[in-house]
């Protein structure tokens, strides 16, 4: 991640935390999950229309990597949807129990339910 991308990601996060803008999550299809992720992106790993994993940074701002299994035969399993313009929908909600204990529901283009304790 470049310095500019880091600054931009922080700026978007800060605006969202101050309530000046809603977080939006756009999908980005990749062959493998990269080591450095951008804020407000849901990376979908897969090939030839077969998705096996999704990853994103914690929307609560703690910086933790959230990785979700998309394989229906393995559990737990999440379902990911995309709108025509690349907005992400993730079901079920993602809850972090350790560290920041963030809880998020990513539906359509917004995330809600940030429960930071």
PDB file of N, CA and C in Angstrom:
ATOM      1  N   UNK A   1       0.849  -1.161   0.000  1.00  0.00           N
ATOM      2  CA  UNK A   1       0.000   0.000   0.000  1.00  0.00           C
ATOM      3  C   UNK A   1       0.907   1.240   0.000  1.00  0.00           C
ATOM      4  N   UNK A   2       0.589   2.170  -0.870  1.00  0.00           N
ATOM      5  CA  UNK A   2       1.385   3.385  -0.956  1.00  0.00           C
ATOM      6  C   UNK A   2       1.025   4.340   0.189  1.00  0.00           C
ATOM      7  N   UNK A   3       1.853   5.332   0.387  1.00  0.00           N
ATOM      8  CA  UNK A   3       1.581   6.330   1.421  1.00  0.00           C
ATOM      9  C   UNK A   3       0.268   7.054   1.117  1.00  0.00           C
ATOM     10  N   UNK A   4       0.054   7.394  -0.149  1.00  0.00           N
ATOM     11  CA  UNK A   4      -1.182   8.073  -0.536  1.00  0.00           C
ATOM     12  C   UNK A   4      -2.409   7.219  -0.223  1.00  0.00           C
ATOM     13  N   UNK A   5      -2.351   5.914  -0.525  1.00  0.00           N
ATOM     14  CA  UNK A   5      -3.473   5.028  -0.242  1.00  0.00           C
ATOM     15  C   UNK A   5      -3.732   4.940   1.259  1.00  0.00           C
ATOM     16  N   UNK A   6      -2.667   4.926   2.047  1.00  0.00           N
ATOM     17  CA  UNK A   6      -2.811   4.879   3.501  1.00  0.00           C
ATOM     18  C   UNK A   6      -3.474   6.149   4.017  1.00  0.00           C
ATOM     19  N   UNK A   7      -3.020   7.294   3.525  1.00  0.00           N
ATOM     20  CA  UNK A   7      -3.606   8.570   3.942  1.00  0.00           C
ATOM     21  C   UNK A   7      -5.075   8.638   3.529  1.00  0.00           C
ATOM     22  N   UNK A   8      -5.379   8.228   2.292  1.00  0.00           N
ATOM     23  CA  UNK A   8      -6.757   8.264   1.797  1.00  0.00           C
ATOM     24  C   UNK A   8      -7.658   7.341   2.609  1.00  0.00           C
ATOM     25  N   UNK A   9      -7.179   6.132   2.911  1.00  0.00           N
ATOM     26  CA  UNK A   9      -7.964   5.190   3.707  1.00  0.00           C
ATOM     27  C   UNK A   9      -8.242   5.756   5.092  1.00  0.00           C
ATOM     28  N   UNK A  10      -7.233   6.378   5.692  1.00  0.00           N
ATOM     29  CA  UNK A  10      -7.411   6.977   7.014  1.00  0.00           C
ATOM     30  C   UNK A  10      -8.419   8.118   6.949  1.00  0.00           C
ATOM     31  N   UNK A  11      -8.341   8.950   5.925  1.00  0.00           N
ATOM     32  CA  UNK A  11      -9.258  10.079   5.759  1.00  0.00           C
ATOM     33  C   UNK A  11     -10.700   9.583   5.632  1.00  0.00           C
ATOM     34  N   UNK A  12     -10.937   8.554   4.813  1.00  0.00           N
ATOM     35  CA  UNK A  12     -12.284   8.001   4.666  1.00  0.00           C
ATOM     36  C   UNK A  12     -12.794   7.443   5.984  1.00  0.00           C
ATOM     37  N   UNK A  13     -11.916   6.735   6.690  1.00  0.00           N
ATOM     38  CA  UNK A  13     -12.292   6.168   7.977  1.00  0.00           C
ATOM     39  C   UNK A  13     -12.650   7.272   8.971  1.00  0.00           C
ATOM     40  N   UNK A  14     -11.837   8.340   9.019  1.00  0.00           N
ATOM     41  CA  UNK A  14     -12.077   9.437   9.947  1.00  0.00           C
ATOM     42  C   UNK A  14     -13.410  10.129   9.657  1.00  0.00           C
ATOM     43  N   UNK A  15     -13.691  10.394   8.407  1.00  0.00           N
ATOM     44  CA  UNK A  15     -14.970  11.013   8.044  1.00  0.00           C
ATOM     45  C   UNK A  15     -16.141  10.138   8.476  1.00  0.00           C
ATOM     46  N   UNK A  16     -16.011   8.830   8.268  1.00  0.00           N
ATOM     47  CA  UNK A  16     -17.084   7.907   8.667  1.00  0.00           C
ATOM     48  C   UNK A  16     -17.243   7.883  10.178  1.00  0.00           C
ATOM     49  N   UNK A  17     -16.138   7.869  10.914  1.00  0.00           N
ATOM     50  CA  UNK A  17     -16.201   7.827  12.377  1.00  0.00           C
ATOM     51  C   UNK A  17     -16.823   9.100  12.945  1.00  0.00           C
ATOM     52  N   UNK A  18     -16.614  10.231  12.266  1.00  0.00           N
ATOM     53  CA  UNK A  18     -17.189  11.496  12.702  1.00  0.00           C
ATOM     54  C   UNK A  18     -18.638  11.651  12.254  1.00  0.00           C
ATOM     55  N   UNK A  19     -19.137  10.687  11.498  1.00  0.00           N
ATOM     56  CA  UNK A  19     -20.516  10.727  11.028  1.00  0.00           C
ATOM     57  C   UNK A  19     -20.729  11.651   9.842  1.00  0.00           C
ATOM     58  N   UNK A  20     -19.659  12.031   9.176  1.00  0.00           N
ATOM     59  CA  UNK A  20     -19.765  12.939   8.039  1.00  0.00           C
ATOM     60  C   UNK A  20     -19.992  12.211   6.722  1.00  0.00           C
ATOM     61  N   UNK A  21     -19.816  10.903   6.734  1.00  0.00           N
ATOM     62  CA  UNK A  21     -20.112  10.096   5.548  1.00  0.00           C
ATOM     63  C   UNK A  21     -20.300   8.650   5.985  1.00  0.00           C
ATOM     64  N   UNK A  22     -21.130   7.938   5.265  1.00  0.00           N
ATOM     65  CA  UNK A  22     -21.336   6.513   5.533  1.00  0.00           C
ATOM     66  C   UNK A  22     -20.230   5.723   4.842  1.00  0.00           C
ATOM     67  N   UNK A  23     -19.803   4.653   5.499  1.00  0.00           N
ATOM     68  CA  UNK A  23     -18.806   3.791   4.873  1.00  0.00           C
ATOM     69  C   UNK A  23     -19.461   3.036   3.731  1.00  0.00           C
ATOM     70  N   UNK A  24     -18.779   2.936   2.609  1.00  0.00           N
ATOM     71  CA  UNK A  24     -19.236   2.134   1.485  1.00  0.00           C
ATOM     72  C   UNK A  24     -18.174   1.091   1.188  1.00  0.00           C
ATOM     73  N   UNK A  25     -18.601  -0.086   0.860  1.00  0.00           N
ATOM     74  CA  UNK A  25     -17.679  -1.187   0.591  1.00  0.00           C
ATOM     75  C   UNK A  25     -17.874  -1.670  -0.829  1.00  0.00           C
ATOM     76  N   UNK A  26     -16.826  -1.560  -1.605  1.00  0.00           N
ATOM     77  CA  UNK A  26     -16.836  -2.016  -2.995  1.00  0.00           C
ATOM     78  C   UNK A  26     -16.037  -3.303  -3.089  1.00  0.00           C
ATOM     79  N   UNK A  27     -16.481  -4.164  -3.976  1.00  0.00           N
ATOM     80  CA  UNK A  27     -15.796  -5.434  -4.159  1.00  0.00           C
ATOM     81  C   UNK A  27     -14.610  -5.266  -5.103  1.00  0.00           C
ATOM     82  N   UNK A  28     -13.621  -6.080  -4.866  1.00  0.00           N
ATOM     83  CA  UNK A  28     -12.438  -6.126  -5.708  1.00  0.00           C
ATOM     84  C   UNK A  28     -12.075  -7.596  -5.873  1.00  0.00           C
ATOM     85  N   UNK A  29     -12.179  -8.110  -7.085  1.00  0.00           N
ATOM     86  CA  UNK A  29     -11.894  -9.532  -7.338  1.00  0.00           C
ATOM     87  C   UNK A  29     -10.408  -9.741  -7.560  1.00  0.00           C
ATOM     88  N   UNK A  30      -9.856 -10.737  -6.859  1.00  0.00           N
ATOM     89  CA  UNK A  30      -8.430 -11.032  -6.915  1.00  0.00           C
ATOM     90  C   UNK A  30      -8.229 -12.546  -6.973  1.00  0.00           C
ATOM     91  N   UNK A  31      -7.064 -12.969  -7.454  1.00  0.00           N
ATOM     92  CA  UNK A  31      -6.732 -14.397  -7.454  1.00  0.00           C
ATOM     93  C   UNK A  31      -6.376 -14.855  -6.037  1.00  0.00           C
ATOM     94  N   UNK A  32      -5.665 -14.007  -5.302  1.00  0.00           N
ATOM     95  CA  UNK A  32      -5.286 -14.286  -3.909  1.00  0.00           C
ATOM     96  C   UNK A  32      -5.462 -13.006  -3.096  1.00  0.00           C
ATOM     97  N   UNK A  33      -5.747 -13.158  -1.819  1.00  0.00           N
ATOM     98  CA  UNK A  33      -5.894 -12.000  -0.939  1.00  0.00           C
ATOM     99  C   UNK A  33      -4.518 -11.341  -0.783  1.00  0.00           C
ATOM    100  N   UNK A  34      -4.407 -10.034  -1.069  1.00  0.00           N
ATOM    101  CA  UNK A  34      -3.108  -9.367  -0.937  1.00  0.00           C
ATOM    102  C   UNK A  34      -2.704  -9.190   0.526  1.00  0.00           C
ATOM    103  N   UNK A  35      -1.434  -8.921   0.757  1.00  0.00           N
ATOM    104  CA  UNK A  35      -0.949  -8.717   2.125  1.00  0.00           C
ATOM    105  C   UNK A  35      -1.435  -7.390   2.696  1.00  0.00           C
ATOM    106  N   UNK A  36      -1.477  -6.349   1.872  1.00  0.00           N
ATOM    107  CA  UNK A  36      -1.930  -5.028   2.320  1.00  0.00           C
ATOM    108  C   UNK A  36      -3.300  -4.747   1.703  1.00  0.00           C
ATOM    109  N   UNK A  37      -4.276  -4.487   2.561  1.00  0.00           N
ATOM    110  CA  UNK A  37      -5.635  -4.233   2.099  1.00  0.00           C
ATOM    111  C   UNK A  37      -5.973  -2.752   2.228  1.00  0.00           C
ATOM    112  N   UNK A  38      -6.870  -2.301   1.379  1.00  0.00           N
ATOM    113  CA  UNK A  38      -7.369  -0.929   1.445  1.00  0.00           C
ATOM    114  C   UNK A  38      -8.663  -0.900   2.246  1.00  0.00           C
ATOM    115  N   UNK A  39      -8.904   0.206   2.927  1.00  0.00           N
ATOM    116  CA  UNK A  39     -10.150   0.376   3.671  1.00  0.00           C
ATOM    117  C   UNK A  39     -11.321   0.450   2.693  1.00  0.00           C
ATOM    118  N   UNK A  40     -12.467   0.006   3.153  1.00  0.00           N
ATOM    119  CA  UNK A  40     -13.716   0.055   2.391  1.00  0.00           C
ATOM    120  C   UNK A  40     -13.679  -0.758   1.100  1.00  0.00           C
ATOM    121  N   UNK A  41     -12.864  -1.791   1.066  1.00  0.00           N
ATOM    122  CA  UNK A  41     -12.820  -2.745  -0.038  1.00  0.00           C
ATOM    123  C   UNK A  41     -13.067  -4.134   0.532  1.00  0.00           C
ATOM    124  N   UNK A  42     -13.862  -4.915  -0.156  1.00  0.00           N
ATOM    125  CA  UNK A  42     -14.028  -6.321   0.168  1.00  0.00           C
ATOM    126  C   UNK A  42     -13.363  -7.093  -0.964  1.00  0.00           C
ATOM    127  N   UNK A  43     -12.286  -7.772  -0.650  1.00  0.00           N
ATOM    128  CA  UNK A  43     -11.534  -8.540  -1.637  1.00  0.00           C
ATOM    129  C   UNK A  43     -12.160  -9.919  -1.745  1.00  0.00           C
ATOM    130  N   UNK A  44     -12.492 -10.323  -2.961  1.00  0.00           N
ATOM    131  CA  UNK A  44     -13.074 -11.642  -3.202  1.00  0.00           C
ATOM    132  C   UNK A  44     -12.048 -12.467  -3.957  1.00  0.00           C
ATOM    133  N   UNK A  45     -11.556 -13.524  -3.313  1.00  0.00           N
ATOM    134  CA  UNK A  45     -10.565 -14.397  -3.938  1.00  0.00           C
ATOM    135  C   UNK A  45     -11.278 -15.539  -4.637  1.00  0.00           C
ATOM    136  N   UNK A  46     -10.899 -15.779  -5.876  1.00  0.00           N
ATOM    137  CA  UNK A  46     -11.491 -16.861  -6.641  1.00  0.00           C
ATOM    138  C   UNK A  46     -11.002 -16.842  -8.071  1.00  0.00           C
ATOM    139  N   UNK A  47     -11.491 -17.804  -8.836  1.00  0.00           N
ATOM    140  CA  UNK A  47     -11.144 -17.916 -10.253  1.00  0.00           C
ATOM    141  C   UNK A  47     -12.318 -18.479 -11.020  1.00  0.00           C
ATOM    142  N   UNK A  48     -12.461 -18.033 -12.244  1.00  0.00           N
ATOM    143  CA  UNK A  48     -13.462 -18.574 -13.169  1.00  0.00           C
ATOM    144  C   UNK A  48     -14.863 -18.633 -12.566  1.00  0.00           C
ATOM    145  N   UNK A  49     -15.258 -17.578 -11.835  1.00  0.00           N
ATOM    146  CA  UNK A  49     -16.591 -17.534 -11.257  1.00  0.00           C
ATOM    147  C   UNK A  49     -16.779 -18.356 -10.004  1.00  0.00           C
ATOM    148  N   UNK A  50     -15.701 -18.940  -9.479  1.00  0.00           N
ATOM    149  CA  UNK A  50     -15.760 -19.765  -8.275  1.00  0.00           C
ATOM    150  C   UNK A  50     -15.051 -19.014  -7.155  1.00  0.00           C
ATOM    151  N   UNK A  51     -15.803 -18.480  -6.191  1.00  0.00           N
ATOM    152  CA  UNK A  51     -15.242 -17.694  -5.092  1.00  0.00           C
ATOM    153  C   UNK A  51     -15.028 -18.570  -3.876  1.00  0.00           C
ATOM    154  N   UNK A  52     -13.881 -18.421  -3.212  1.00  0.00           N
ATOM    155  CA  UNK A  52     -13.619 -19.241  -2.032  1.00  0.00           C
ATOM    156  C   UNK A  52     -13.338 -18.434  -0.772  1.00  0.00           C
ATOM    157  N   UNK A  53     -13.011 -17.151  -0.896  1.00  0.00           N
ATOM    158  CA  UNK A  53     -12.679 -16.380   0.292  1.00  0.00           C
ATOM    159  C   UNK A  53     -12.961 -14.896   0.064  1.00  0.00           C
ATOM    160  N   UNK A  54     -13.318 -14.203   1.142  1.00  0.00           N
ATOM    161  CA  UNK A  54     -13.483 -12.744   1.117  1.00  0.00           C
ATOM    162  C   UNK A  54     -12.678 -12.181   2.278  1.00  0.00           C
ATOM    163  N   UNK A  55     -12.108 -11.007   2.076  1.00  0.00           N
ATOM    164  CA  UNK A  55     -11.315 -10.380   3.134  1.00  0.00           C
ATOM    165  C   UNK A  55     -11.530  -8.877   3.101  1.00  0.00           C
ATOM    166  N   UNK A  56     -11.427  -8.274   4.276  1.00  0.00           N
ATOM    167  CA  UNK A  56     -11.567  -6.823   4.395  1.00  0.00           C
ATOM    168  C   UNK A  56     -10.903  -6.389   5.692  1.00  0.00           C
ATOM    169  N   UNK A  57     -10.619  -5.090   5.792  1.00  0.00           N
ATOM    170  CA  UNK A  57     -10.155  -4.538   7.055  1.00  0.00           C
ATOM    171  C   UNK A  57     -11.360  -4.269   7.933  1.00  0.00           C
ATOM    172  N   UNK A  58     -11.193  -4.403   9.223  1.00  0.00           N
ATOM    173  CA  UNK A  58     -12.278  -4.166  10.163  1.00  0.00           C
ATOM    174  C   UNK A  58     -12.818  -2.747   9.979  1.00  0.00           C
ATOM    175  N   UNK A  59     -14.120  -2.594   9.717  1.00  0.00           N
ATOM    176  CA  UNK A  59     -14.708  -1.263   9.530  1.00  0.00           C
ATOM    177  C   UNK A  59     -14.674  -0.403  10.786  1.00  0.00           C
ATOM    178  N   UNK A  60     -14.444  -1.008  11.943  1.00  0.00           N
ATOM    179  CA  UNK A  60     -14.390  -0.252  13.188  1.00  0.00           C
ATOM    180  C   UNK A  60     -13.116   0.549  13.357  1.00  0.00           C
ATOM    181  N   UNK A  61     -12.138   0.323  12.477  1.00  0.00           N
ATOM    182  CA  UNK A  61     -10.909   1.100  12.528  1.00  0.00           C
ATOM    183  C   UNK A  61      -9.782   0.468  13.308  1.00  0.00           C
ATOM    184  N   UNK A  62      -9.963  -0.746  13.824  1.00  0.00           N
ATOM    185  CA  UNK A  62      -8.880  -1.373  14.593  1.00  0.00           C
ATOM    186  C   UNK A  62      -7.784  -1.913  13.678  1.00  0.00           C
ATOM    187  N   UNK A  63      -8.062  -2.028  12.376  1.00  0.00           N
ATOM    188  CA  UNK A  63      -7.048  -2.472  11.427  1.00  0.00           C
ATOM    189  C   UNK A  63      -6.913  -3.977  11.292  1.00  0.00           C
ATOM    190  N   UNK A  64      -7.726  -4.740  11.997  1.00  0.00           N
ATOM    191  CA  UNK A  64      -7.643  -6.204  11.913  1.00  0.00           C
ATOM    192  C   UNK A  64      -8.129  -6.690  10.565  1.00  0.00           C
ATOM    193  N   UNK A  65      -7.485  -7.742  10.089  1.00  0.00           N
ATOM    194  CA  UNK A  65      -7.893  -8.409   8.864  1.00  0.00           C
ATOM    195  C   UNK A  65      -9.061  -9.330   9.184  1.00  0.00           C
ATOM    196  N   UNK A  66     -10.153  -9.179   8.466  1.00  0.00           N
ATOM    197  CA  UNK A  66     -11.298 -10.071   8.593  1.00  0.00           C
ATOM    198  C   UNK A  66     -11.337 -10.930   7.344  1.00  0.00           C
ATOM    199  N   UNK A  67     -11.265 -12.234   7.533  1.00  0.00           N
ATOM    200  CA  UNK A  67     -11.289 -13.142   6.389  1.00  0.00           C
ATOM    201  C   UNK A  67     -12.458 -14.092   6.563  1.00  0.00           C
ATOM    202  N   UNK A  68     -13.300 -14.189   5.519  1.00  0.00           N
ATOM    203  CA  UNK A  68     -14.504 -15.002   5.574  1.00  0.00           C
ATOM    204  C   UNK A  68     -14.468 -16.082   4.506  1.00  0.00           C
ATOM    205  N   UNK A  69     -14.830 -17.282   4.911  1.00  0.00           N
ATOM    206  CA  UNK A  69     -14.916 -18.420   4.011  1.00  0.00           C
ATOM    207  C   UNK A  69     -16.173 -18.292   3.152  1.00  0.00           C
ATOM    208  N   UNK A  70     -16.048 -18.527   1.854  1.00  0.00           N
ATOM    209  CA  UNK A  70     -17.206 -18.499   0.949  1.00  0.00           C
ATOM    210  C   UNK A  70     -17.555 -19.882   0.413  1.00  0.00           C
ATOM    211  N   UNK A  71     -16.824 -20.904   0.842  1.00  0.00           N
ATOM    212  CA  UNK A  71     -17.084 -22.272   0.386  1.00  0.00           C
ATOM    213  C   UNK A  71     -18.269 -22.851   1.151  1.00  0.00           C
ATOM    214  N   UNK A  72     -19.337 -23.234   0.456  1.00  0.00           N
ATOM    215  CA  UNK A  72     -20.539 -23.709   1.151  1.00  0.00           C
ATOM    216  C   UNK A  72     -20.349 -25.018   1.907  1.00  0.00           C
ATOM    217  N   UNK A  73     -19.343 -25.818   1.562  1.00  0.00           N
ATOM    218  CA  UNK A  73     -19.124 -27.100   2.237  1.00  0.00           C
ATOM    219  C   UNK A  73     -18.328 -26.969   3.527  1.00  0.00           C
ATOM    220  N   UNK A  74     -17.729 -25.807   3.785  1.00  0.00           N
ATOM    221  CA  UNK A  74     -16.945 -25.585   5.002  1.00  0.00           C
ATOM    222  C   UNK A  74     -17.704 -24.605   5.896  1.00  0.00           C
ATOM    223  N   UNK A  75     -17.515 -24.733   7.197  1.00  0.00           N
ATOM    224  CA  UNK A  75     -18.236 -23.869   8.140  1.00  0.00           C
ATOM    225  C   UNK A  75     -17.260 -23.220   9.096  1.00  0.00           C
ATOM    226  N   UNK A  76     -17.495 -21.978   9.509  1.00  0.00           N
ATOM    227  CA  UNK A  76     -18.609 -21.140   9.110  1.00  0.00           C
ATOM    228  C   UNK A  76     -18.458 -20.664   7.666  1.00  0.00           C
ATOM    229  N   UNK A  77     -19.573 -20.294   7.068  1.00  0.00           N
ATOM    230  CA  UNK A  77     -19.596 -19.884   5.664  1.00  0.00           C
ATOM    231  C   UNK A  77     -20.409 -18.602   5.517  1.00  0.00           C
ATOM    232  N   UNK A  78     -19.903 -17.694   4.726  1.00  0.00           N
ATOM    233  CA  UNK A  78     -20.605 -16.432   4.436  1.00  0.00           C
ATOM    234  C   UNK A  78     -21.035 -16.422   2.986  1.00  0.00           C
ATOM    235  N   UNK A  79     -22.003 -15.596   2.681  1.00  0.00           N
ATOM    236  CA  UNK A  79     -22.439 -15.372   1.304  1.00  0.00           C
ATOM    237  C   UNK A  79     -22.154 -13.923   0.975  1.00  0.00           C
ATOM    238  N   UNK A  80     -21.632 -13.692  -0.206  1.00  0.00           N
ATOM    239  CA  UNK A  80     -21.327 -12.333  -0.627  1.00  0.00           C
ATOM    240  C   UNK A  80     -22.115 -12.018  -1.882  1.00  0.00           C
ATOM    241  N   UNK A  81     -22.619 -10.813  -1.934  1.00  0.00           N
ATOM    242  CA  UNK A  81     -23.344 -10.351  -3.103  1.00  0.00           C
ATOM    243  C   UNK A  81     -22.725  -9.069  -3.612  1.00  0.00           C
ATOM    244  N   UNK A  82     -22.978  -8.773  -4.870  1.00  0.00           N
ATOM    245  CA  UNK A  82     -22.468  -7.553  -5.479  1.00  0.00           C
ATOM    246  C   UNK A  82     -23.598  -6.887  -6.248  1.00  0.00           C
ATOM    247  N   UNK A  83     -23.666  -5.582  -6.130  1.00  0.00           N
ATOM    248  CA  UNK A  83     -24.598  -4.836  -6.961  1.00  0.00           C
ATOM    249  C   UNK A  83     -23.935  -4.585  -8.310  1.00  0.00           C
ATOM    250  N   UNK A  84     -24.682  -4.063  -9.254  1.00  0.00           N
ATOM    251  CA  UNK A  84     -24.142  -3.806 -10.592  1.00  0.00           C
ATOM    252  C   UNK A  84     -22.962  -2.839 -10.569  1.00  0.00           C
ATOM    253  N   UNK A  85     -22.948  -1.923  -9.605  1.00  0.00           N
ATOM    254  CA  UNK A  85     -21.836  -0.971  -9.548  1.00  0.00           C
ATOM    255  C   UNK A  85     -20.754  -1.378  -8.549  1.00  0.00           C
ATOM    256  N   UNK A  86     -20.737  -2.649  -8.125  1.00  0.00           N
ATOM    257  CA  UNK A  86     -19.638  -3.178  -7.327  1.00  0.00           C
ATOM    258  C   UNK A  86     -19.754  -3.012  -5.828  1.00  0.00           C
ATOM    259  N   UNK A  87     -20.939  -2.668  -5.312  1.00  0.00           N
ATOM    260  CA  UNK A  87     -21.106  -2.565  -3.869  1.00  0.00           C
ATOM    261  C   UNK A  87     -21.321  -3.948  -3.271  1.00  0.00           C
ATOM    262  N   UNK A  88     -20.793  -4.153  -2.063  1.00  0.00           N
ATOM    263  CA  UNK A  88     -20.789  -5.481  -1.451  1.00  0.00           C
ATOM    264  C   UNK A  88     -21.923  -5.661  -0.450  1.00  0.00           C
ATOM    265  N   UNK A  89     -22.431  -6.897  -0.385  1.00  0.00           N
ATOM    266  CA  UNK A  89     -23.369  -7.337   0.635  1.00  0.00           C
ATOM    267  C   UNK A  89     -22.811  -8.633   1.210  1.00  0.00           C
ATOM    268  N   UNK A  90     -22.639  -8.672   2.528  1.00  0.00           N
ATOM    269  CA  UNK A  90     -22.056  -9.832   3.190  1.00  0.00           C
ATOM    270  C   UNK A  90     -23.047 -10.352   4.221  1.00  0.00           C
ATOM    271  N   UNK A  91     -23.311 -11.671   4.174  1.00  0.00           N
ATOM    272  CA  UNK A  91     -24.257 -12.275   5.103  1.00  0.00           C
ATOM    273  C   UNK A  91     -23.719 -13.604   5.585  1.00  0.00           C
ATOM    274  N   UNK A  92     -23.751 -13.922   6.861  1.00  0.00           N
ATOM    275  CA  UNK A  92     -24.281 -13.138   7.969  1.00  0.00           C
ATOM    276  C   UNK A  92     -23.328 -12.001   8.362  1.00  0.00           C
ATOM    277  N   UNK A  93     -23.717 -11.235   9.345  1.00  0.00           N
ATOM    278  CA  UNK A  93     -22.891 -10.138   9.836  1.00  0.00           C
ATOM    279  C   UNK A  93     -21.564 -10.675  10.345  1.00  0.00           C
ATOM    280  N   UNK A  94     -20.601  -9.784  10.430  1.00  0.00           N
ATOM    281  CA  UNK A  94     -19.269 -10.148  10.916  1.00  0.00           C
ATOM    282  C   UNK A  94     -19.109  -9.577  12.317  1.00  0.00           C
ATOM    283  N   UNK A  95     -18.727 -10.439  13.265  1.00  0.00           N
ATOM    284  CA  UNK A  95     -18.522 -10.010  14.650  1.00  0.00           C
ATOM    285  C   UNK A  95     -17.135 -10.403  15.092  1.00  0.00           C
ATOM    286  N   UNK A  96     -16.395  -9.456  15.637  1.00  0.00           N
ATOM    287  CA  UNK A  96     -15.083  -9.722  16.220  1.00  0.00           C
ATOM    288  C   UNK A  96     -15.247  -9.849  17.725  1.00  0.00           C
ATOM    289  N   UNK A  97     -14.817 -10.952  18.283  1.00  0.00           N
ATOM    290  CA  UNK A  97     -14.943 -11.145  19.723  1.00  0.00           C
ATOM    291  C   UNK A  97     -13.703 -10.701  20.480  1.00  0.00           C
ATOM    292  N   UNK A  98     -12.535 -10.792  19.855  1.00  0.00           N
ATOM    293  CA  UNK A  98     -11.313 -10.419  20.538  1.00  0.00           C
ATOM    294  C   UNK A  98     -10.843  -9.047  20.110  1.00  0.00           C
ATOM    295  N   UNK A  99     -10.057  -8.406  20.936  1.00  0.00           N
ATOM    296  CA  UNK A  99      -9.517  -7.103  20.569  1.00  0.00           C
ATOM    297  C   UNK A  99     -10.556  -6.019  20.642  1.00  0.00           C
ATOM    298  N   UNK A 100     -10.983  -5.494  19.491  1.00  0.00           N
ATOM    299  CA  UNK A 100     -11.898  -4.354  19.480  1.00  0.00           C
ATOM    300  C   UNK A 100     -13.347  -4.754  19.702  1.00  0.00           C
ATOM    301  N   UNK A 101     -13.672  -6.026  19.579  1.00  0.00           N
ATOM    302  CA  UNK A 101     -15.044  -6.523  19.713  1.00  0.00           C
ATOM    303  C   UNK A 101     -16.002  -5.744  18.821  1.00  0.00           C
ATOM    304  N   UNK A 102     -15.624  -5.573  17.578  1.00  0.00           N
ATOM    305  CA  UNK A 102     -16.445  -4.849  16.610  1.00  0.00           C
ATOM    306  C   UNK A 102     -17.520  -5.770  16.057  1.00  0.00           C
ATOM    307  N   UNK A 103     -18.642  -5.202  15.735  1.00  0.00           N
ATOM    308  CA  UNK A 103     -19.706  -5.938  15.064  1.00  0.00           C
ATOM    309  C   UNK A 103     -20.207  -5.118  13.901  1.00  0.00           C
ATOM    310  N   UNK A 104     -20.336  -5.738  12.736  1.00  0.00           N
ATOM    311  CA  UNK A 104     -20.706  -4.986  11.544  1.00  0.00           C
ATOM    312  C   UNK A 104     -21.667  -5.775  10.681  1.00  0.00           C
ATOM    313  N   UNK A 105     -22.573  -5.056  10.118  1.00  0.00           N
ATOM    314  CA  UNK A 105     -23.482  -5.619   9.142  1.00  0.00           C
ATOM    315  C   UNK A 105     -23.251  -4.865   7.846  1.00  0.00           C
ATOM    316  N   UNK A 106     -22.764  -5.559   6.829  1.00  0.00           N
ATOM    317  CA  UNK A 106     -22.479  -4.920   5.553  1.00  0.00           C
ATOM    318  C   UNK A 106     -23.573  -5.315   4.579  1.00  0.00           C
ATOM    319  N   UNK A 107     -24.433  -4.361   4.275  1.00  0.00           N
ATOM    320  CA  UNK A 107     -25.557  -4.603   3.394  1.00  0.00           C
ATOM    321  C   UNK A 107     -25.657  -3.474   2.392  1.00  0.00           C
ATOM    322  N   UNK A 108     -25.764  -3.824   1.129  1.00  0.00           N
ATOM    323  CA  UNK A 108     -25.848  -2.798   0.094  1.00  0.00           C
ATOM    324  C   UNK A 108     -24.566  -2.002   0.047  1.00  0.00           C
ATOM    325  N   UNK A 109     -24.642  -0.731   0.388  1.00  0.00           N
ATOM    326  CA  UNK A 109     -23.437   0.080   0.313  1.00  0.00           C
ATOM    327  C   UNK A 109     -23.043   0.673   1.647  1.00  0.00           C
ATOM    328  N   UNK A 110     -23.646   0.220   2.738  1.00  0.00           N
ATOM    329  CA  UNK A 110     -23.345   0.821   4.028  1.00  0.00           C
ATOM    330  C   UNK A 110     -23.048  -0.242   5.050  1.00  0.00           C
ATOM    331  N   UNK A 111     -22.280   0.137   6.044  1.00  0.00           N
ATOM    332  CA  UNK A 111     -22.063  -0.759   7.170  1.00  0.00           C
ATOM    333  C   UNK A 111     -22.691  -0.129   8.398  1.00  0.00           C
ATOM    334  N   UNK A 112     -23.266  -0.950   9.220  1.00  0.00           N
ATOM    335  CA  UNK A 112     -23.896  -0.427  10.419  1.00  0.00           C
ATOM    336  C   UNK A 112     -23.574  -1.308  11.608  1.00  0.00           C
ATOM    337  N   UNK A 113     -23.999  -0.915  12.745  1.00  0.00           N
ATOM    338  CA  UNK A 113     -23.843  -1.739  13.928  1.00  0.00           C
ATOM    339  C   UNK A 113     -22.456  -1.766  14.502  1.00  0.00           C
ATOM    340  N   UNK A 114     -21.658  -0.757  14.287  1.00  0.00           N
ATOM    341  CA  UNK A 114     -20.334  -0.736  14.889  1.00  0.00           C
ATOM    342  C   UNK A 114     -20.505  -0.634  16.392  1.00  0.00           C
ATOM    343  N   UNK A 115     -20.153  -1.686  17.092  1.00  0.00           N
ATOM    344  CA  UNK A 115     -20.313  -1.739  18.535  1.00  0.00           C
ATOM    345  C   UNK A 115     -18.917  -1.833  19.128  1.00  0.00           C
ATOM    346  N   UNK A 116     -18.280  -0.703  19.297  1.00  0.00           N
ATOM    347  CA  UNK A 116     -16.916  -0.675  19.812  1.00  0.00           C
ATOM    348  C   UNK A 116     -16.942  -0.547  21.312  1.00  0.00           C
ATOM    349  N   UNK A 117     -16.232  -1.459  21.972  1.00  0.00           N
ATOM    350  CA  UNK A 117     -16.177  -1.398  23.428  1.00  0.00           C
ATOM    351  C   UNK A 117     -14.745  -1.439  23.888  1.00  0.00           C
TER     352      UNK A 117
END
